[in-house]
């Protein structure tokens, strides 16, 4: 990952002005970036567990972001906050949660899934 958010002010800017979406294991904040390519920031609080647990979550979130990089708008800054449920969630659950949140915030265009009409 080349472009990451590191400055506290950048995280605060996204928390206050960015669009957010919540799932059971992740919170995603997204906001348009006028400076250049989109950046990713990841927050894993100490309540989630020891360093090994938090680092594993960061690796999983980075990989999920990387795997959807082709779909994600290039001009968006993103902060992903891991919640307590993420510790026990599988990769697939976190991936689905990220995609749902990314669609809600406008990071990824909504997929048009065929709906059953029931008739």
C-alpha atoms as a PDB file:
ATOM      1  CA  UNK A   1       0.000   0.000   0.000  1.00  0.00           C
ATOM      2  CA  UNK A   2       1.697   3.142  -1.209  1.00  0.00           C
ATOM      3  CA  UNK A   3      -0.661   5.829  -0.005  1.00  0.00           C
ATOM      4  CA  UNK A   4      -1.667   5.761   3.640  1.00  0.00           C
ATOM      5  CA  UNK A   5      -3.171   8.226   6.076  1.00  0.00           C
ATOM      6  CA  UNK A   6      -0.769   8.893   8.918  1.00  0.00           C
ATOM      7  CA  UNK A   7      -1.539  12.352  10.281  1.00  0.00           C
ATOM      8  CA  UNK A   8      -4.003  12.700  13.151  1.00  0.00           C
ATOM      9  CA  UNK A   9      -5.597  15.747  11.482  1.00  0.00           C
ATOM     10  CA  UNK A  10      -6.401  13.662   8.383  1.00  0.00           C
ATOM     11  CA  UNK A  11      -8.137  11.029  10.506  1.00  0.00           C
ATOM     12  CA  UNK A  12     -10.089  13.735  12.385  1.00  0.00           C
ATOM     13  CA  UNK A  13     -11.101  15.388   9.101  1.00  0.00           C
ATOM     14  CA  UNK A  14     -12.609  12.121   7.861  1.00  0.00           C
ATOM     15  CA  UNK A  15     -14.342  11.401  11.177  1.00  0.00           C
ATOM     16  CA  UNK A  16     -16.010  14.829  11.181  1.00  0.00           C
ATOM     17  CA  UNK A  17     -16.666  15.565   7.506  1.00  0.00           C
ATOM     18  CA  UNK A  18     -16.601  12.196   5.770  1.00  0.00           C
ATOM     19  CA  UNK A  19     -19.522   9.920   4.973  1.00  0.00           C
ATOM     20  CA  UNK A  20     -19.741   6.907   7.235  1.00  0.00           C
ATOM     21  CA  UNK A  21     -21.287   3.461   7.151  1.00  0.00           C
ATOM     22  CA  UNK A  22     -21.439   0.953   9.986  1.00  0.00           C
ATOM     23  CA  UNK A  23     -21.495  -2.832  10.038  1.00  0.00           C
ATOM     24  CA  UNK A  24     -21.170  -5.298  12.884  1.00  0.00           C
ATOM     25  CA  UNK A  25     -17.376  -5.569  12.520  1.00  0.00           C
ATOM     26  CA  UNK A  26     -16.263  -2.408  10.657  1.00  0.00           C
ATOM     27  CA  UNK A  27     -16.953   1.296  10.366  1.00  0.00           C
ATOM     28  CA  UNK A  28     -15.913   2.932   7.094  1.00  0.00           C
ATOM     29  CA  UNK A  29     -15.421   6.677   6.678  1.00  0.00           C
ATOM     30  CA  UNK A  30     -14.874   8.057   3.171  1.00  0.00           C
ATOM     31  CA  UNK A  31     -14.309  11.498   1.780  1.00  0.00           C
ATOM     32  CA  UNK A  32     -13.140  12.983  -1.494  1.00  0.00           C
ATOM     33  CA  UNK A  33      -9.438  13.814  -1.601  1.00  0.00           C
ATOM     34  CA  UNK A  34      -8.441  16.873  -3.594  1.00  0.00           C
ATOM     35  CA  UNK A  35      -4.664  16.419  -3.264  1.00  0.00           C
ATOM     36  CA  UNK A  36      -4.108  13.302  -5.353  1.00  0.00           C
ATOM     37  CA  UNK A  37      -4.545   9.549  -5.109  1.00  0.00           C
ATOM     38  CA  UNK A  38      -6.809   8.018  -2.490  1.00  0.00           C
ATOM     39  CA  UNK A  39      -5.315   7.003   0.839  1.00  0.00           C
ATOM     40  CA  UNK A  40      -6.184   4.347   3.405  1.00  0.00           C
ATOM     41  CA  UNK A  41      -6.088   4.684   7.184  1.00  0.00           C
ATOM     42  CA  UNK A  42      -6.829   1.848   9.600  1.00  0.00           C
ATOM     43  CA  UNK A  43      -7.772   2.164  13.265  1.00  0.00           C
ATOM     44  CA  UNK A  44      -7.585  -0.781  15.653  1.00  0.00           C
ATOM     45  CA  UNK A  45      -8.073   0.210  19.275  1.00  0.00           C
ATOM     46  CA  UNK A  46      -6.399  -1.477  22.212  1.00  0.00           C
ATOM     47  CA  UNK A  47      -9.768  -2.834  23.369  1.00  0.00           C
ATOM     48  CA  UNK A  48      -9.614  -5.332  20.499  1.00  0.00           C
ATOM     49  CA  UNK A  49      -6.727  -7.254  22.002  1.00  0.00           C
ATOM     50  CA  UNK A  50      -2.964  -7.439  22.107  1.00  0.00           C
ATOM     51  CA  UNK A  51      -0.635  -6.265  19.340  1.00  0.00           C
ATOM     52  CA  UNK A  52      -0.737  -9.624  17.533  1.00  0.00           C
ATOM     53  CA  UNK A  53      -4.541  -9.445  17.233  1.00  0.00           C
ATOM     54  CA  UNK A  54      -4.550  -5.788  16.149  1.00  0.00           C
ATOM     55  CA  UNK A  55      -1.798  -6.333  13.562  1.00  0.00           C
ATOM     56  CA  UNK A  56      -3.657  -9.332  12.104  1.00  0.00           C
ATOM     57  CA  UNK A  57      -6.791  -7.187  11.731  1.00  0.00           C
ATOM     58  CA  UNK A  58      -4.793  -4.454  10.000  1.00  0.00           C
ATOM     59  CA  UNK A  59      -3.311  -6.999   7.561  1.00  0.00           C
ATOM     60  CA  UNK A  60      -6.764  -8.417   6.779  1.00  0.00           C
ATOM     61  CA  UNK A  61      -8.265  -4.949   6.225  1.00  0.00           C
ATOM     62  CA  UNK A  62      -5.330  -3.921   3.993  1.00  0.00           C
ATOM     63  CA  UNK A  63      -5.773  -7.090   1.920  1.00  0.00           C
ATOM     64  CA  UNK A  64      -9.531  -6.531   1.569  1.00  0.00           C
ATOM     65  CA  UNK A  65      -8.888  -2.943   0.441  1.00  0.00           C
ATOM     66  CA  UNK A  66      -6.219  -4.153  -2.012  1.00  0.00           C
ATOM     67  CA  UNK A  67      -8.482  -6.844  -3.452  1.00  0.00           C
ATOM     68  CA  UNK A  68     -11.166  -4.231  -4.225  1.00  0.00           C
ATOM     69  CA  UNK A  69      -8.728  -1.526  -5.397  1.00  0.00           C
ATOM     70  CA  UNK A  70      -9.978  -1.782  -8.978  1.00  0.00           C
ATOM     71  CA  UNK A  71     -13.542  -0.962  -7.909  1.00  0.00           C
ATOM     72  CA  UNK A  72     -12.741   1.798  -5.394  1.00  0.00           C
ATOM     73  CA  UNK A  73     -12.871   5.393  -6.594  1.00  0.00           C
ATOM     74  CA  UNK A  74      -9.310   6.640  -6.977  1.00  0.00           C
ATOM     75  CA  UNK A  75      -9.910  10.094  -5.465  1.00  0.00           C
ATOM     76  CA  UNK A  76     -11.227   8.992  -2.056  1.00  0.00           C
ATOM     77  CA  UNK A  77      -9.599   8.925   1.356  1.00  0.00           C
ATOM     78  CA  UNK A  78     -10.795   6.021   3.505  1.00  0.00           C
ATOM     79  CA  UNK A  79     -10.560   5.244   7.203  1.00  0.00           C
ATOM     80  CA  UNK A  80     -11.579   1.765   8.342  1.00  0.00           C
ATOM     81  CA  UNK A  81     -12.221   1.294  12.053  1.00  0.00           C
ATOM     82  CA  UNK A  82     -12.210  -2.294  13.316  1.00  0.00           C
ATOM     83  CA  UNK A  83     -14.879  -3.077  15.904  1.00  0.00           C
ATOM     84  CA  UNK A  84     -14.844  -5.786  18.586  1.00  0.00           C
ATOM     85  CA  UNK A  85     -16.775  -8.233  16.380  1.00  0.00           C
ATOM     86  CA  UNK A  86     -13.948  -8.118  13.809  1.00  0.00           C
ATOM     87  CA  UNK A  87     -11.677 -10.128  16.125  1.00  0.00           C
ATOM     88  CA  UNK A  88     -13.792 -13.268  15.711  1.00  0.00           C
ATOM     89  CA  UNK A  89     -15.086 -12.566  12.187  1.00  0.00           C
ATOM     90  CA  UNK A  90     -13.867 -14.582   9.213  1.00  0.00           C
ATOM     91  CA  UNK A  91     -12.175 -12.992   6.206  1.00  0.00           C
ATOM     92  CA  UNK A  92     -15.334 -13.494   4.137  1.00  0.00           C
ATOM     93  CA  UNK A  93     -17.532 -11.770   6.742  1.00  0.00           C
ATOM     94  CA  UNK A  94     -15.177  -8.800   6.902  1.00  0.00           C
ATOM     95  CA  UNK A  95     -14.996  -8.646   3.105  1.00  0.00           C
ATOM     96  CA  UNK A  96     -18.794  -8.568   2.799  1.00  0.00           C
ATOM     97  CA  UNK A  97     -19.019  -5.936   5.556  1.00  0.00           C
ATOM     98  CA  UNK A  98     -16.413  -3.758   3.824  1.00  0.00           C
ATOM     99  CA  UNK A  99     -18.185  -3.970   0.452  1.00  0.00           C
ATOM    100  CA  UNK A 100     -21.566  -3.082   2.019  1.00  0.00           C
ATOM    101  CA  UNK A 101     -20.068  -0.103   3.847  1.00  0.00           C
ATOM    102  CA  UNK A 102     -18.092   1.011   0.784  1.00  0.00           C
ATOM    103  CA  UNK A 103     -21.271   0.978  -1.315  1.00  0.00           C
ATOM    104  CA  UNK A 104     -23.126   3.039   1.316  1.00  0.00           C
ATOM    105  CA  UNK A 105     -20.388   5.681   1.420  1.00  0.00           C
ATOM    106  CA  UNK A 106     -20.044   5.873  -2.366  1.00  0.00           C
ATOM    107  CA  UNK A 107     -16.549   4.349  -2.448  1.00  0.00           C
ATOM    108  CA  UNK A 108     -17.686   1.495  -4.675  1.00  0.00           C
ATOM    109  CA  UNK A 109     -20.571   1.813  -7.134  1.00  0.00           C
ATOM    110  CA  UNK A 110     -23.583  -0.190  -6.001  1.00  0.00           C
ATOM    111  CA  UNK A 111     -23.870  -3.590  -7.623  1.00  0.00           C
ATOM    112  CA  UNK A 112     -27.168  -4.290  -9.316  1.00  0.00           C
ATOM    113  CA  UNK A 113     -28.118  -7.671  -7.949  1.00  0.00           C
ATOM    114  CA  UNK A 114     -31.198  -9.297  -9.470  1.00  0.00           C
ATOM    115  CA  UNK A 115     -34.043  -9.244  -6.984  1.00  0.00           C
ATOM    116  CA  UNK A 116     -36.542 -12.056  -6.684  1.00  0.00           C
ATOM    117  CA  UNK A 117     -40.017 -10.801  -7.392  1.00  0.00           C
ATOM    118  CA  UNK A 118     -41.617 -13.703  -5.517  1.00  0.00           C
ATOM    119  CA  UNK A 119     -44.170 -14.487  -8.248  1.00  0.00           C
END
